[in-house]
């Protein structure tokens, strides 16, 4: 059939082009070629921005500054999984992104991907993720918190609407709102 002939022609041309190259292309050559495309250039620029604390959300971000100046030093460090698969880490980072909370982000492998670094285990002996370290602005003392729901409540309280942050949880006096939040949190655990 004509359709099959065109498919075979296209396939054999692609295979011929792939096998006719006398030298293999290196990763740096491929990167340079990709940066010449509009999409490749945009991705490269965003990766550069992310290294400075700005740019789009990404699992490899290590600093989030949002609208803070480049000289700003966050007092919060979130430890999350390096693969971006932990749902508890994901919901925590989504709250940080939505509220635009400046923070450092440090990635740690989940147990199934290898041993956790000794430095992390000194902070969190049981190795649970996510973990949040909050540094006191005055004394420099650090406090480590685990359990995603507790982390989210602390972050929401530390970054109130009165300071220009988006509210993510009900007001403390909103009993109905907190009851609904607890129902949804239990549903999440059941799933």
Protein backbone atom coordinates (compact mmCIF):
# COMPACT_ATOMS: atom_id res chain seq x y z
CA UNK A 1 0.00 0.00 0.00
CA UNK A 2 1.19 3.60 -0.58
CA UNK A 3 0.92 4.39 3.13
CA UNK A 4 3.08 1.42 4.07
CA UNK A 5 5.63 2.31 1.38
CA UNK A 6 5.92 5.89 2.69
CA UNK A 7 6.34 4.54 6.24
CA UNK A 8 9.08 2.13 5.14
CA UNK A 9 10.80 4.89 3.14
CA UNK A 10 10.70 7.26 6.13
CA UNK A 11 11.90 4.56 8.52
CA UNK A 12 14.74 3.42 6.27
CA UNK A 13 15.83 7.05 5.67
CA UNK A 14 15.91 7.72 9.41
CA UNK A 15 17.90 4.56 10.04
CA UNK A 16 20.27 5.39 7.19
CA UNK A 17 20.84 8.90 8.56
CA UNK A 18 21.41 7.54 12.05
CA UNK A 19 23.89 4.92 10.93
CA UNK A 20 25.70 7.01 8.29
CA UNK A 21 27.34 9.29 10.83
CA UNK A 22 31.05 8.48 11.07
CA UNK A 23 31.41 10.05 14.51
CA UNK A 24 29.10 9.91 17.47
CA UNK A 25 27.70 13.17 18.75
CA UNK A 26 28.79 14.14 22.26
CA UNK A 27 26.51 15.47 25.00
CA UNK A 28 28.09 18.95 24.82
CA UNK A 29 27.48 19.02 21.05
CA UNK A 30 23.85 17.98 21.57
CA UNK A 31 23.44 20.64 24.28
CA UNK A 32 24.86 23.33 22.01
CA UNK A 33 22.56 22.24 19.17
CA UNK A 34 19.52 22.23 21.47
CA UNK A 35 20.32 25.73 22.74
CA UNK A 36 20.00 26.98 19.16
CA UNK A 37 16.30 26.10 19.21
CA UNK A 38 13.70 28.37 20.82
CA UNK A 39 12.67 25.71 23.34
CA UNK A 40 16.25 24.70 24.15
CA UNK A 41 17.25 28.33 24.65
CA UNK A 42 14.26 28.99 26.92
CA UNK A 43 15.06 25.89 29.01
CA UNK A 44 18.71 26.91 29.32
CA UNK A 45 17.79 30.44 30.42
CA UNK A 46 15.31 29.09 32.97
CA UNK A 47 17.92 26.64 34.34
CA UNK A 48 20.31 29.58 34.79
CA UNK A 49 17.60 31.58 36.59
CA UNK A 50 16.81 28.62 38.86
CA UNK A 51 20.45 28.48 39.98
CA UNK A 52 20.06 32.03 41.32
CA UNK A 53 16.83 31.32 43.22
CA UNK A 54 14.43 32.54 40.56
CA UNK A 55 12.78 30.87 37.56
CA UNK A 56 10.14 28.19 37.43
CA UNK A 57 9.43 25.47 40.01
CA UNK A 58 11.63 22.44 39.41
CA UNK A 59 12.65 19.37 41.40
CA UNK A 60 16.31 20.37 41.12
CA UNK A 61 15.89 23.84 42.63
CA UNK A 62 18.13 24.43 45.65
CA UNK A 63 17.09 28.02 46.38
CA UNK A 64 13.75 29.82 46.02
CA UNK A 65 13.79 33.60 46.40
CA UNK A 66 10.66 34.61 44.47
CA UNK A 67 10.44 38.43 44.85
CA UNK A 68 13.28 38.76 47.40
CA UNK A 69 16.60 40.35 46.33
CA UNK A 70 19.48 38.09 45.31
CA UNK A 71 21.29 38.99 48.54
CA UNK A 72 18.45 37.65 50.73
CA UNK A 73 19.39 34.69 52.93
CA UNK A 74 16.38 32.49 53.79
CA UNK A 75 16.06 31.19 57.34
CA UNK A 76 14.28 28.05 56.16
CA UNK A 77 15.67 24.90 54.56
CA UNK A 78 13.36 22.21 53.23
CA UNK A 79 14.75 18.70 52.88
CA UNK A 80 12.86 16.77 50.22
CA UNK A 81 13.29 13.68 48.06
CA UNK A 82 15.61 14.06 45.08
CA UNK A 83 13.33 12.25 42.62
CA UNK A 84 10.24 14.37 43.30
CA UNK A 85 8.11 11.30 44.00
CA UNK A 86 7.33 11.70 47.69
CA UNK A 87 3.74 13.02 47.90
CA UNK A 88 4.38 14.56 51.34
CA UNK A 89 7.39 16.45 50.02
CA UNK A 90 5.40 17.51 46.96
CA UNK A 91 2.50 18.97 48.92
CA UNK A 92 4.96 20.85 51.13
CA UNK A 93 6.87 22.31 48.19
CA UNK A 94 3.56 23.22 46.52
CA UNK A 95 2.61 25.27 49.60
CA UNK A 96 6.03 26.97 49.49
CA UNK A 97 5.60 27.74 45.78
CA UNK A 98 2.03 29.00 46.16
CA UNK A 99 2.85 31.23 49.12
CA UNK A 100 6.20 32.22 47.57
CA UNK A 101 8.15 31.48 50.75
CA UNK A 102 11.88 32.05 50.27
CA UNK A 103 13.86 28.97 51.29
CA UNK A 104 16.77 26.71 50.59
CA UNK A 105 15.91 23.28 49.25
CA UNK A 106 18.15 20.31 49.88
CA UNK A 107 17.45 16.99 48.21
CA UNK A 108 17.91 13.64 49.94
CA UNK A 109 17.44 10.18 48.40
CA UNK A 110 14.47 8.14 49.52
CA UNK A 111 15.51 4.90 51.23
CA UNK A 112 14.70 2.89 48.11
CA UNK A 113 17.34 4.90 46.18
CA UNK A 114 20.23 4.64 48.60
CA UNK A 115 21.52 5.68 51.96
CA UNK A 116 20.71 9.07 53.34
CA UNK A 117 23.71 11.34 53.96
CA UNK A 118 25.11 11.26 57.51
CA UNK A 119 24.69 15.04 57.76
CA UNK A 120 20.95 14.69 57.14
CA UNK A 121 20.64 11.81 59.64
CA UNK A 122 22.21 14.05 62.30
CA UNK A 123 19.28 16.44 61.78
CA UNK A 124 16.62 13.75 61.33
CA UNK A 125 17.78 10.45 62.90
CA UNK A 126 14.79 8.47 61.57
CA UNK A 127 15.40 9.84 58.04
CA UNK A 128 11.81 10.99 57.48
CA UNK A 129 11.03 13.33 54.60
CA UNK A 130 10.09 16.08 54.29
CA UNK A 131 12.01 17.84 57.01
CA UNK A 132 12.16 21.56 57.66
CA UNK A 133 14.96 23.39 59.44
CA UNK A 134 14.12 26.86 60.73
CA UNK A 135 16.94 29.12 61.84
CA UNK A 136 16.22 31.74 64.50
CA UNK A 137 17.07 35.13 63.01
CA UNK A 138 18.45 36.46 66.32
CA UNK A 139 20.19 33.51 67.98
CA UNK A 140 20.99 31.38 64.94
CA UNK A 141 19.56 28.34 66.75
CA UNK A 142 18.06 25.76 64.43
CA UNK A 143 14.91 23.73 64.92
CA UNK A 144 14.06 20.66 62.82
CA UNK A 145 10.46 19.71 62.10
CA UNK A 146 9.17 16.61 60.33
CA UNK A 147 5.63 15.58 59.34
CA UNK A 148 4.35 17.40 56.27
CA UNK A 149 1.07 18.61 57.81
CA UNK A 150 2.87 20.16 60.79
CA UNK A 151 5.42 21.77 58.44
CA UNK A 152 2.64 23.23 56.31
CA UNK A 153 0.81 24.65 59.33
CA UNK A 154 4.02 26.22 60.67
CA UNK A 155 4.93 27.73 57.29
CA UNK A 156 1.42 29.09 56.81
CA UNK A 157 1.51 30.66 60.29
CA UNK A 158 4.99 32.14 59.79
CA UNK A 159 3.94 33.78 56.51
CA UNK A 160 0.55 35.41 57.18
CA UNK A 161 -1.78 37.31 54.88
CA UNK A 162 -0.96 40.49 56.84
CA UNK A 163 2.59 40.28 55.40
CA UNK A 164 1.37 39.78 51.84
CA UNK A 165 1.36 35.99 51.71
CA UNK A 166 -1.54 33.89 50.42
CA UNK A 167 -3.58 32.06 53.09
CA UNK A 168 -3.41 28.32 52.56
CA UNK A 169 -5.14 27.11 55.72
CA UNK A 170 -8.22 28.35 57.60
CA UNK A 171 -7.91 31.07 60.25
CA UNK A 172 -7.28 29.71 63.75
CA UNK A 173 -10.81 30.66 64.85
CA UNK A 174 -12.51 28.99 61.87
CA UNK A 175 -13.60 25.71 63.50
CA UNK A 176 -15.59 24.55 60.46
CA UNK A 177 -12.62 25.24 58.17
CA UNK A 178 -10.24 23.31 60.44
CA UNK A 179 -12.67 20.43 60.73
CA UNK A 180 -12.86 20.23 56.91
CA UNK A 181 -9.05 20.45 56.72
CA UNK A 182 -8.72 17.53 59.15
CA UNK A 183 -11.25 15.45 57.17
CA UNK A 184 -9.28 16.05 53.96
CA UNK A 185 -5.97 15.28 55.69
CA UNK A 186 -7.37 11.95 56.94
CA UNK A 187 -8.68 11.19 53.45
CA UNK A 188 -5.20 11.80 52.06
CA UNK A 189 -3.72 9.31 54.54
CA UNK A 190 -6.33 6.71 53.63
CA UNK A 191 -5.51 7.00 49.94
